[in-house]
Amino acid sequence: MHQDISQKDKQLLFWGSFLALFAAAVGFVFRVMVLGDWQAEFNLTGAEVGRIFGASLWPIAVTMIFFSLIVDKVGYKPSIYCAFALQIIGGVLTFMADSPNTLYWASICAGLGHGVVEAVINPVCASIYYKEKSKMLNILHASWPAGFVIGGILMLSPGLRDLSWNLKALWIVLPVLCYGVMFIKPKFPVDERVLNKVPYSEMLKEVGFLGTFLAAFLLFHELYGRFGSETEHLIWISLGAGALIGAGFGFFTKSIGKPLYFLLCLLMIPLATTELGTDAWIKELMTPTMGEFAGWAIVASALIMMVLRFQAGFLTSRFSPPTILVISSLFSFCGLMALSVSSGVAVWGAFVLYAVGQTFYWPTVLGFIAERFPKGGALTLNSATAIGLLAVGIIGTPILGVFNDSHTVSNVKLVSAEIHIAAKSDASFFGASYESIDRAMATELAAEQGLSDELQGAMNEASRQSLRTTAISFPLVMLVAFGLIALYYRKKGGYQPIELHRESSNS
């Protein structure tokens, strides 16, 4: 059973949703580009800058999970206008900001608004295009790279880039106002789960103990790490809290959760890391070829992603979501491996492979979840996204730093044992200690010994080695995992989406 939504309303809802995520992307690019301006104007430390930027990220996961539990009862329209209000407030506060504290709360509003947007647009798209979920979710999420492209061009273009950051903040507001107007008239759908009279309890059972444990662990780790007292036992405290909350949820729902859903949530960790966590190194590797224009590499990557996501129908009509994810993993693996050994013009070819590989990851996983777990409604869709966003900050990006640190230590040893001994420092990741290098000290000592070129070469090579380690640790793991999932469905006679109105009791 599916509701009757006019074609005009479907188009308004879809493109309004597209513009809502586009607005969030423009806001994200704006903050990335002006962090240096904020640091200079308000004399901020690196930690203070990180705190302000982080305030736009962790609230996304909070509101995504919270609204996923209530959006069916509150309704999509009131929820999206809550996001609208938060994003407008965030933009206006940024425009008026005269202190770091105001910027912090502006970022909080932006993050909360972004989370509500994601909590609404994904289930809305899945509901109105219930027979084309994977295709339309891919097209919908072309809005994120589109925001990067347009926002990046605006921020980097001569003339526009010279405007004050206060005036640039008004750009955040413009697409928000546009989607606010687009959502006034159309009739919003009822969630597929609600329409087919699947009880609320059945939605919760799809997540169960396993999904709740993972989400609670990551969310507790993020929030306690930001607002709690410092402790070297954070990982164990967070695991305990996650297990306790998960056990309580599992007891309440009488469900361990769907194993495949849990596996997909786990795979969001390497997926998010591969898609979002490697861009800094990509920029570094592009610098020898592009010089000061290397920042445009990220815009180029976003452009490739945007164009290909608009063409997602070609893939979704021919391949199942697991197969598309296998193809994406293969391209990512080959792209990162090629980047680790390429130089000159060849870097561009490797870069394109990498960009193509990361294109279809996120929306295809969402399509996979929407097609296989329709009982979960907004909760299964948005919890997976929240887990991915949390994981890239808590696990993904830090572990990439560990890879780089480890290879840097090994390479510095080869350049000079003396520099290594003098510049080595202790670091930790998830409670485990490892050795790092004080890069400023190493650079100073290398200059004194006439080894600056050798040290720089060692650090560049460490970045390349890190890309190889990343390729083996993440895309290759996903290639195997999604390959096994694809083979599983092939043995069962082929992949088929689940439709609630004809679903069997054991599906």
Protein backbone atom coordinates (compact mmCIF):
# COMPACT_ATOMS: atom_id res chain seq x y z
CA MET A 1 0.00 0.00 0.00
CA HIS A 2 1.33 3.40 -0.99
CA GLN A 3 -0.13 6.89 -0.79
CA ASP A 4 -1.14 8.98 -3.72
CA ILE A 5 1.16 11.99 -4.06
CA SER A 6 0.82 14.15 -7.16
CA GLN A 7 3.74 14.33 -9.56
CA LYS A 8 4.05 18.06 -8.91
CA ASP A 9 4.26 17.53 -5.15
CA LYS A 10 6.83 14.76 -5.65
CA GLN A 11 9.01 17.11 -7.68
CA LEU A 12 8.68 19.93 -5.16
CA LEU A 13 9.49 17.58 -2.28
CA PHE A 14 12.45 16.03 -4.04
CA TRP A 15 14.06 19.25 -5.24
CA GLY A 16 13.28 20.98 -1.96
CA SER A 17 15.09 18.12 -0.20
CA PHE A 18 17.93 18.45 -2.70
CA LEU A 19 18.23 22.16 -1.91
CA ALA A 20 18.09 21.54 1.86
CA LEU A 21 21.13 19.25 1.76
CA PHE A 22 22.79 21.62 -0.74
CA ALA A 23 22.37 24.42 1.82
CA ALA A 24 24.03 22.28 4.49
CA ALA A 25 26.97 21.60 2.15
CA VAL A 26 27.40 25.31 1.33
CA GLY A 27 27.48 26.06 5.06
CA PHE A 28 30.07 23.31 5.61
CA VAL A 29 32.36 24.64 2.85
CA PHE A 30 31.98 28.17 4.19
CA ARG A 31 33.19 27.12 7.66
CA VAL A 32 36.12 25.14 6.21
CA MET A 33 37.23 28.16 4.18
CA VAL A 34 36.95 30.83 6.90
CA LEU A 35 38.47 28.94 9.85
CA GLY A 36 41.78 30.71 9.24
CA ASP A 37 40.02 34.11 9.21
CA TRP A 38 38.33 33.33 12.52
CA GLN A 39 41.60 32.19 14.05
CA ALA A 40 43.38 35.40 12.99
CA GLU A 41 40.60 37.84 13.92
CA PHE A 42 39.87 36.38 17.37
CA ASN A 43 43.41 35.15 18.13
CA LEU A 44 42.25 31.55 18.59
CA THR A 45 44.36 28.52 19.38
CA GLY A 46 44.16 25.45 17.19
CA ALA A 47 42.08 23.71 19.86
CA GLU A 48 39.61 26.61 19.96
CA VAL A 49 39.25 26.54 16.18
CA GLY A 50 38.67 22.79 16.32
CA ARG A 51 36.02 23.25 19.01
CA ILE A 52 34.08 25.76 16.88
CA PHE A 53 34.27 23.60 13.75
CA GLY A 54 33.45 20.44 15.68
CA ALA A 55 30.32 22.13 17.01
CA SER A 56 28.90 21.96 13.48
CA LEU A 57 29.54 18.20 13.22
CA TRP A 58 28.61 16.24 16.36
CA PRO A 59 25.08 17.78 16.65
CA ILE A 60 24.27 16.24 13.25
CA ALA A 61 24.34 12.75 14.73
CA VAL A 62 22.39 13.84 17.83
CA THR A 63 19.44 15.30 15.93
CA MET A 64 19.47 12.58 13.28
CA ILE A 65 19.00 9.85 15.87
CA PHE A 66 16.56 11.84 18.03
CA PHE A 67 14.34 12.96 15.14
CA SER A 68 14.39 9.49 13.62
CA LEU A 69 12.55 8.30 16.73
CA ILE A 70 9.89 11.02 16.61
CA VAL A 71 9.67 12.24 13.00
CA ASP A 72 6.79 9.84 12.24
CA LYS A 73 4.79 11.34 15.08
CA VAL A 74 5.82 14.98 14.64
CA GLY A 75 5.46 14.91 10.85
CA TYR A 76 7.91 15.71 8.08
CA LYS A 77 6.77 19.30 7.46
CA PRO A 78 7.10 20.57 11.07
CA SER A 79 10.46 18.78 11.29
CA ILE A 80 11.88 20.34 8.12
CA TYR A 81 10.80 23.80 9.27
CA CYS A 82 12.60 23.16 12.54
CA ALA A 83 15.72 22.58 10.43
CA PHE A 84 14.90 25.72 8.45
CA ALA A 85 14.73 27.83 11.61
CA LEU A 86 17.97 26.39 13.01
CA GLN A 87 19.89 27.01 9.78
CA ILE A 88 18.57 30.58 9.47
CA ILE A 89 19.54 31.29 13.09
CA GLY A 90 22.98 29.78 12.46
CA GLY A 91 23.57 31.95 9.40
CA VAL A 92 22.35 35.16 11.06
CA LEU A 93 24.40 34.50 14.22
CA THR A 94 27.50 33.95 12.07
CA PHE A 95 26.85 37.21 10.18
CA MET A 96 26.49 39.10 13.49
CA ALA A 97 29.25 37.25 15.37
CA ASP A 98 31.66 39.41 17.34
CA SER A 99 33.12 36.71 19.58
CA PRO A 100 34.23 33.05 19.43
CA ASN A 101 31.32 32.12 21.70
CA THR A 102 28.79 33.43 19.16
CA LEU A 103 30.54 31.49 16.39
CA TYR A 104 30.35 28.36 18.56
CA TRP A 105 26.59 28.63 19.03
CA ALA A 106 26.11 29.50 15.38
CA SER A 107 27.94 26.26 14.52
CA ILE A 108 25.76 24.34 16.99
CA CYS A 109 22.63 25.63 15.23
CA ALA A 110 24.07 24.72 11.84
CA GLY A 111 24.87 21.18 12.99
CA LEU A 112 21.48 20.64 14.60
CA GLY A 113 19.74 21.92 11.48
CA HIS A 114 21.84 19.69 9.21
CA GLY A 115 20.93 16.65 11.32
CA VAL A 116 17.19 17.37 11.08
CA VAL A 117 17.52 17.87 7.31
CA GLU A 118 19.10 14.41 6.94
CA ALA A 119 16.49 12.88 9.27
CA VAL A 120 13.70 14.16 7.01
CA ILE A 121 14.91 14.08 3.40
CA ASN A 122 16.13 10.46 3.29
CA PRO A 123 12.83 8.85 4.39
CA VAL A 124 10.81 11.36 2.33
CA CYS A 125 12.75 10.39 -0.80
CA ALA A 126 12.44 6.67 -0.01
CA SER A 127 8.67 7.08 0.54
CA ILE A 128 7.80 9.00 -2.62
CA TYR A 129 10.07 6.93 -4.86
CA TYR A 130 9.53 3.57 -3.18
CA LYS A 131 10.24 1.64 -6.41
CA GLU A 132 13.47 3.54 -7.19
CA LYS A 133 15.01 4.04 -3.76
CA SER A 134 18.67 3.44 -4.64
CA LYS A 135 18.53 5.53 -7.81
CA MET A 136 16.73 8.51 -6.29
CA LEU A 137 18.77 8.52 -3.07
CA ASN A 138 21.92 8.67 -5.21
CA ILE A 139 20.52 11.63 -7.16
CA LEU A 140 19.34 13.30 -3.95
CA HIS A 141 22.83 13.05 -2.47
CA ALA A 142 24.34 14.68 -5.54
CA SER A 143 23.27 17.82 -3.68
CA TRP A 144 26.14 17.45 -1.20
CA PRO A 145 28.95 17.59 -3.79
CA ALA A 146 26.93 20.22 -5.68
CA GLY A 147 27.08 22.40 -2.56
CA PHE A 148 30.83 21.79 -2.37
CA VAL A 149 31.29 22.81 -6.01
CA ILE A 150 29.16 25.95 -5.89
CA GLY A 151 30.27 26.91 -2.38
CA GLY A 152 33.93 26.25 -3.23
CA ILE A 153 33.76 28.34 -6.40
CA LEU A 154 32.12 31.21 -4.53
CA MET A 155 34.73 31.08 -1.78
CA LEU A 156 37.75 30.75 -4.09
CA SER A 157 36.73 33.01 -6.99
CA PRO A 158 38.63 36.30 -7.40
CA GLY A 159 36.62 39.24 -6.06
CA LEU A 160 34.20 37.11 -4.05
CA ARG A 161 36.95 35.60 -1.93
CA ASP A 162 37.99 39.11 -0.84
CA LEU A 163 34.64 39.77 0.87
CA SER A 164 34.56 39.70 4.67
CA TRP A 165 33.57 36.41 6.25
CA ASN A 166 30.53 38.13 7.79
CA LEU A 167 29.13 38.90 4.34
CA LYS A 168 30.02 35.43 3.06
CA ALA A 169 27.89 34.01 5.90
CA LEU A 170 24.79 35.40 4.17
CA TRP A 171 25.35 32.87 1.38
CA ILE A 172 24.37 30.18 3.88
CA VAL A 173 20.96 31.78 4.28
CA LEU A 174 20.05 32.09 0.58
CA PRO A 175 19.54 28.36 -0.28
CA VAL A 176 17.82 27.87 3.09
CA LEU A 177 15.25 30.55 2.23
CA CYS A 178 14.72 28.89 -1.15
CA TYR A 179 13.96 25.42 0.20
CA GLY A 180 11.76 26.96 2.89
CA VAL A 181 9.56 28.43 0.14
CA MET A 182 9.53 25.17 -1.85
CA PHE A 183 8.14 23.17 1.09
CA ILE A 184 5.17 25.46 1.79
CA LYS A 185 2.62 23.95 -0.61
CA PRO A 186 3.37 20.26 -1.31
CA LYS A 187 1.69 17.43 0.55
CA PHE A 188 4.27 15.44 2.50
CA PRO A 189 4.07 11.64 2.45
CA VAL A 190 3.45 9.40 5.41
CA ASP A 191 6.38 7.14 6.14
CA GLU A 192 6.20 3.78 4.33
CA ARG A 193 6.23 1.94 7.65
CA VAL A 194 3.34 3.99 9.05
CA LEU A 195 1.32 3.72 5.84
CA ASN A 196 1.58 -0.05 5.90
CA LYS A 197 0.62 -0.13 9.59
CA VAL A 198 3.87 -1.62 10.79
CA PRO A 199 3.91 -1.06 14.57
CA TYR A 200 6.42 1.34 16.11
CA SER A 201 7.83 -1.57 18.09
CA GLU A 202 8.69 -3.40 14.86
CA MET A 203 10.74 -0.38 13.73
CA LEU A 204 12.73 -0.51 16.95
CA LYS A 205 13.30 -4.26 16.58
CA GLU A 206 15.12 -3.76 13.27
CA VAL A 207 17.85 -1.90 15.19
CA GLY A 208 17.67 -3.90 18.41
CA PHE A 209 20.63 -4.43 20.72
CA LEU A 210 23.35 -4.56 18.06
CA GLY A 211 22.54 -1.30 16.23
CA THR A 212 21.82 0.56 19.47
CA PHE A 213 25.07 -0.59 21.06
CA LEU A 214 27.15 0.72 18.13
CA ALA A 215 25.30 4.06 17.89
CA ALA A 216 25.30 4.58 21.68
CA PHE A 217 29.01 3.73 21.98
CA LEU A 218 30.02 6.26 19.32
CA LEU A 219 27.63 8.97 20.51
CA PHE A 220 28.66 8.60 24.16
CA HIS A 221 32.34 8.65 23.16
CA GLU A 222 31.83 11.86 21.18
CA LEU A 223 29.79 13.72 23.80
CA TYR A 224 31.74 12.57 26.86
CA GLY A 225 35.00 13.33 25.08
CA ARG A 226 33.81 16.89 24.44
CA PHE A 227 32.01 17.72 27.65
CA GLY A 228 33.23 15.21 30.25
CA SER A 229 36.45 15.18 32.24
CA GLU A 230 39.57 13.97 30.49
CA THR A 231 40.32 10.28 31.02
CA GLU A 232 42.59 7.73 29.37
CA HIS A 233 39.86 5.13 29.86
CA LEU A 234 37.32 6.89 27.60
CA ILE A 235 37.16 3.98 25.16
CA TRP A 236 36.26 1.50 27.91
CA ILE A 237 33.77 3.84 29.54
CA SER A 238 32.12 4.41 26.16
CA LEU A 239 32.00 0.69 25.35
CA GLY A 240 30.43 0.04 28.74
CA ALA A 241 27.85 2.80 28.26
CA GLY A 242 27.08 1.54 24.76
CA ALA A 243 26.66 -2.03 25.99
CA LEU A 244 24.41 -0.91 28.88
CA ILE A 245 22.19 1.28 26.67
CA GLY A 246 22.13 -1.39 23.96
CA ALA A 247 21.18 -4.10 26.47
CA GLY A 248 18.38 -1.94 27.84
CA PHE A 249 17.08 -1.24 24.34
CA GLY A 250 17.39 -4.91 23.38
CA PHE A 251 15.49 -5.99 26.51
CA PHE A 252 12.76 -3.41 25.82
CA THR A 253 12.34 -4.43 22.18
CA LYS A 254 13.06 -8.13 22.79
CA SER A 255 15.34 -8.03 19.77
CA ILE A 256 19.04 -8.44 19.13
CA GLY A 257 18.57 -6.52 15.87
CA LYS A 258 19.04 -7.55 12.25
CA PRO A 259 22.59 -8.92 11.72
CA LEU A 260 22.80 -7.58 8.16
CA TYR A 261 21.79 -4.11 9.32
CA PHE A 262 24.44 -4.23 12.03
CA LEU A 263 27.03 -5.34 9.46
CA LEU A 264 26.11 -2.42 7.18
CA CYS A 265 26.43 -0.03 10.12
CA LEU A 266 29.88 -1.47 10.89
CA LEU A 267 30.87 -1.05 7.23
CA MET A 268 29.91 2.62 7.49
CA ILE A 269 33.14 3.08 9.47
CA PRO A 270 35.56 2.21 6.62
CA LEU A 271 33.13 3.68 4.10
CA ALA A 272 32.93 7.09 5.79
CA THR A 273 36.68 7.08 6.33
CA THR A 274 37.36 6.34 2.67
CA GLU A 275 34.87 8.93 1.40
CA LEU A 276 35.53 11.74 3.88
CA GLY A 277 38.79 11.05 5.66
CA THR A 278 41.37 10.98 2.84
CA ASP A 279 40.80 14.37 1.22
CA ALA A 280 43.57 16.11 3.16
CA TRP A 281 46.19 13.70 1.82
CA ILE A 282 44.70 13.91 -1.67
CA LYS A 283 45.27 17.67 -1.58
CA GLU A 284 48.84 17.18 -0.37
CA LEU A 285 49.63 14.78 -3.20
CA MET A 286 48.11 17.10 -5.78
CA THR A 287 50.27 20.03 -4.62
CA PRO A 288 53.38 19.11 -6.68
CA THR A 289 51.22 19.08 -9.80
CA MET A 290 48.90 22.02 -9.05
CA GLY A 291 50.87 24.15 -6.62
CA GLU A 292 48.71 26.75 -4.87
CA PHE A 293 45.68 25.57 -6.82
CA ALA A 294 45.68 22.16 -5.13
CA GLY A 295 42.63 23.24 -3.11
CA TRP A 296 40.69 23.05 -6.35
CA ALA A 297 41.28 19.28 -6.37
CA ILE A 298 38.59 18.91 -3.73
CA VAL A 299 36.21 20.94 -5.91
CA ALA A 300 37.10 18.72 -8.87
CA SER A 301 36.38 15.60 -6.80
CA ALA A 302 33.01 17.02 -5.78
CA LEU A 303 32.20 17.88 -9.41
CA ILE A 304 32.92 14.30 -10.52
CA MET A 305 30.76 12.98 -7.68
CA MET A 306 27.89 15.34 -8.51
CA VAL A 307 27.83 14.47 -12.23
CA LEU A 308 28.02 10.71 -11.64
CA ARG A 309 25.34 10.67 -8.94
CA PHE A 310 22.95 12.33 -11.38
CA GLN A 311 23.64 9.37 -13.69
CA ALA A 312 23.07 6.77 -10.96
CA GLY A 313 20.08 5.32 -12.81
CA PHE A 314 22.49 3.68 -15.27
CA LEU A 315 24.04 1.64 -12.46
CA THR A 316 20.94 0.98 -10.35
CA SER A 317 19.02 -0.35 -13.35
CA ARG A 318 21.78 -2.88 -14.07
CA PHE A 319 23.31 -3.77 -10.72
CA SER A 320 22.09 -4.44 -7.19
CA PRO A 321 23.27 -2.19 -4.33
CA PRO A 322 25.79 -4.80 -3.05
CA THR A 323 27.31 -5.10 -6.53
CA ILE A 324 27.53 -1.29 -6.91
CA LEU A 325 29.32 -1.15 -3.56
CA VAL A 326 31.76 -3.84 -4.75
CA ILE A 327 32.50 -1.76 -7.87
CA SER A 328 32.95 1.39 -5.75
CA SER A 329 35.33 -0.40 -3.38
CA LEU A 330 37.40 -1.70 -6.31
CA PHE A 331 37.73 1.79 -7.82
CA SER A 332 38.64 3.30 -4.42
CA PHE A 333 41.27 0.64 -3.79
CA CYS A 334 42.84 1.04 -7.21
CA GLY A 335 42.66 4.85 -7.01
CA LEU A 336 44.36 5.09 -3.62
CA MET A 337 47.03 2.55 -4.58
CA ALA A 338 47.68 4.43 -7.82
CA LEU A 339 47.88 7.77 -5.97
CA SER A 340 50.48 6.30 -3.65
CA VAL A 341 52.88 5.62 -6.55
CA SER A 342 51.93 8.26 -9.14
CA SER A 343 53.66 11.51 -9.96
CA GLY A 344 53.18 14.38 -12.40
CA VAL A 345 50.23 14.13 -14.78
CA ALA A 346 49.60 10.49 -13.78
CA VAL A 347 48.33 11.79 -10.43
CA TRP A 348 45.26 13.08 -12.26
CA GLY A 349 44.35 9.65 -13.61
CA ALA A 350 44.72 8.11 -10.17
CA PHE A 351 42.74 10.97 -8.67
CA VAL A 352 39.82 10.34 -11.05
CA LEU A 353 39.78 6.64 -10.09
CA TYR A 354 39.63 7.62 -6.42
CA ALA A 355 36.86 10.21 -7.02
CA VAL A 356 34.74 7.74 -9.01
CA GLY A 357 35.16 5.12 -6.31
CA GLN A 358 33.86 7.29 -3.50
CA THR A 359 30.92 8.62 -5.52
CA PHE A 360 28.29 5.96 -4.90
CA TYR A 361 29.20 4.76 -1.41
CA TRP A 362 26.95 6.70 0.92
CA PRO A 363 23.65 6.95 -1.02
CA THR A 364 23.89 3.33 -2.20
CA VAL A 365 24.21 2.05 1.38
CA LEU A 366 21.18 4.19 2.26
CA GLY A 367 19.30 2.72 -0.70
CA PHE A 368 20.33 -0.78 0.36
CA ILE A 369 19.03 -0.18 3.89
CA ALA A 370 15.81 1.44 2.65
CA GLU A 371 15.12 -1.51 0.34
CA ARG A 372 15.96 -4.30 2.79
CA PHE A 373 14.73 -2.77 6.06
CA PRO A 374 11.57 -0.77 5.23
CA LYS A 375 10.13 -1.66 8.65
CA GLY A 376 12.88 0.46 10.17
CA GLY A 377 11.61 3.61 8.44
CA ALA A 378 13.56 6.75 9.28
CA LEU A 379 15.36 5.08 12.21
CA THR A 380 17.39 2.52 10.24
CA LEU A 381 18.22 5.02 7.49
CA ASN A 382 19.34 7.82 9.74
CA SER A 383 21.05 5.76 12.44
CA ALA A 384 23.39 4.33 9.79
CA THR A 385 24.20 7.84 8.55
CA ALA A 386 24.78 9.07 12.12
CA ILE A 387 27.09 6.12 12.82
CA GLY A 388 29.10 6.95 9.69
CA LEU A 389 29.45 10.62 10.62
CA LEU A 390 30.45 9.82 14.19
CA ALA A 391 32.85 7.08 13.16
CA VAL A 392 34.82 9.20 10.70
CA GLY A 393 35.57 11.73 13.45
CA ILE A 394 36.16 9.27 16.30
CA ILE A 395 37.87 6.40 14.46
CA GLY A 396 38.46 7.16 10.78
CA THR A 397 40.32 10.47 10.70
CA PRO A 398 42.43 9.72 13.82
CA ILE A 399 43.50 6.31 12.53
CA LEU A 400 44.59 7.86 9.24
CA GLY A 401 46.74 10.15 11.36
CA VAL A 402 48.17 7.09 13.14
CA PHE A 403 49.08 5.56 9.78
CA ASN A 404 50.85 8.76 8.73
CA ASP A 405 52.63 9.12 12.07
CA SER A 406 53.87 5.53 12.02
CA HIS A 407 55.25 5.77 8.49
CA THR A 408 56.80 9.17 9.27
CA VAL A 409 58.64 7.72 12.29
CA SER A 410 60.04 4.85 10.20
CA ASN A 411 61.16 7.17 7.39
CA VAL A 412 62.73 9.76 9.71
CA LYS A 413 64.80 6.96 11.27
CA LEU A 414 66.24 6.24 7.83
CA VAL A 415 67.11 9.92 7.30
CA SER A 416 68.75 10.47 10.68
CA ALA A 417 68.67 8.43 13.88
CA GLU A 418 69.68 11.59 15.76
CA ILE A 419 66.66 13.56 14.48
CA HIS A 420 64.38 10.64 15.30
CA ILE A 421 65.60 10.36 18.90
CA ALA A 422 65.38 14.13 19.50
CA ALA A 423 61.99 14.70 17.81
CA LYS A 424 60.09 11.56 18.79
CA SER A 425 57.03 12.00 21.00
CA ASP A 426 54.38 9.82 22.59
CA ALA A 427 50.83 9.70 21.26
CA SER A 428 47.80 7.52 21.81
CA PHE A 429 44.77 6.26 19.92
CA PHE A 430 41.84 4.57 21.66
CA GLY A 431 43.96 4.13 24.77
CA ALA A 432 46.87 2.50 22.91
CA SER A 433 50.25 4.29 22.93
CA TYR A 434 52.35 4.74 19.81
CA GLU A 435 55.32 6.83 18.69
CA SER A 436 54.96 10.06 16.75
CA ILE A 437 57.27 12.81 15.48
CA ASP A 438 57.33 16.47 16.50
CA ARG A 439 57.40 17.77 12.92
CA ALA A 440 58.43 21.34 13.83
CA MET A 441 61.40 20.10 15.85
CA ALA A 442 62.36 17.59 13.17
CA THR A 443 62.25 20.31 10.50
CA GLU A 444 64.44 22.60 12.61
CA LEU A 445 67.00 19.88 13.32
CA ALA A 446 67.07 18.80 9.67
CA ALA A 447 67.79 22.39 8.61
CA GLU A 448 70.71 22.53 11.05
CA GLN A 449 72.14 19.30 9.63
CA GLY A 450 71.53 20.18 5.98
CA LEU A 451 68.94 17.41 5.65
CA SER A 452 65.84 19.50 4.89
CA ASP A 453 65.28 18.00 1.43
CA GLU A 454 65.77 14.47 2.72
CA LEU A 455 63.35 15.05 5.59
CA GLN A 456 60.70 16.55 3.32
CA GLY A 457 61.10 13.61 0.96
CA ALA A 458 60.67 11.22 3.89
CA MET A 459 57.47 12.96 5.00
CA ASN A 460 56.08 12.98 1.45
CA GLU A 461 56.83 9.29 1.14
CA ALA A 462 55.08 8.71 4.48
CA SER A 463 51.91 10.26 3.04
CA ARG A 464 52.14 7.93 0.04
CA GLN A 465 52.70 4.92 2.28
CA SER A 466 49.71 6.00 4.36
CA LEU A 467 47.52 5.96 1.28
CA ARG A 468 48.60 2.37 0.58
CA THR A 469 47.85 1.41 4.17
CA THR A 470 44.48 3.16 3.92
CA ALA A 471 43.66 1.31 0.68
CA ILE A 472 44.42 -2.05 2.29
CA SER A 473 42.70 -1.23 5.59
CA PHE A 474 39.43 0.18 4.26
CA PRO A 475 38.48 -0.18 0.55
CA LEU A 476 39.94 -3.70 0.38
CA VAL A 477 38.02 -4.74 3.51
CA MET A 478 34.83 -3.31 1.98
CA LEU A 479 35.55 -5.06 -1.32
CA VAL A 480 35.66 -8.40 0.46
CA ALA A 481 32.66 -7.71 2.71
CA PHE A 482 30.35 -6.37 0.00
CA GLY A 483 31.56 -9.12 -2.32
CA LEU A 484 30.48 -11.76 0.19
CA ILE A 485 27.10 -10.03 0.60
CA ALA A 486 26.64 -9.97 -3.19
CA LEU A 487 27.53 -13.68 -3.39
CA TYR A 488 25.04 -14.43 -0.60
CA TYR A 489 22.19 -12.86 -2.56
CA ARG A 490 23.32 -14.58 -5.74
CA LYS A 491 23.11 -17.96 -3.95
CA LYS A 492 19.62 -17.06 -2.77
CA GLY A 493 18.47 -16.46 -6.34
CA GLY A 494 19.27 -12.77 -6.69
CA TYR A 495 18.81 -9.52 -4.80
CA GLN A 496 15.24 -8.28 -4.36
CA PRO A 497 14.00 -5.21 -2.44
CA ILE A 498 11.47 -5.90 0.29
CA GLU A 499 8.05 -4.33 -0.19
CA LEU A 500 6.03 -4.15 2.99
CA HIS A 501 2.66 -4.88 1.48
CA ARG A 502 3.84 -8.27 0.16
CA GLU A 503 6.59 -9.07 2.63
CA SER A 504 6.75 -12.51 4.15
CA SER A 505 7.04 -12.92 7.86
CA ASN A 506 10.62 -14.25 7.74
CA SER A 507 12.12 -11.64 5.41
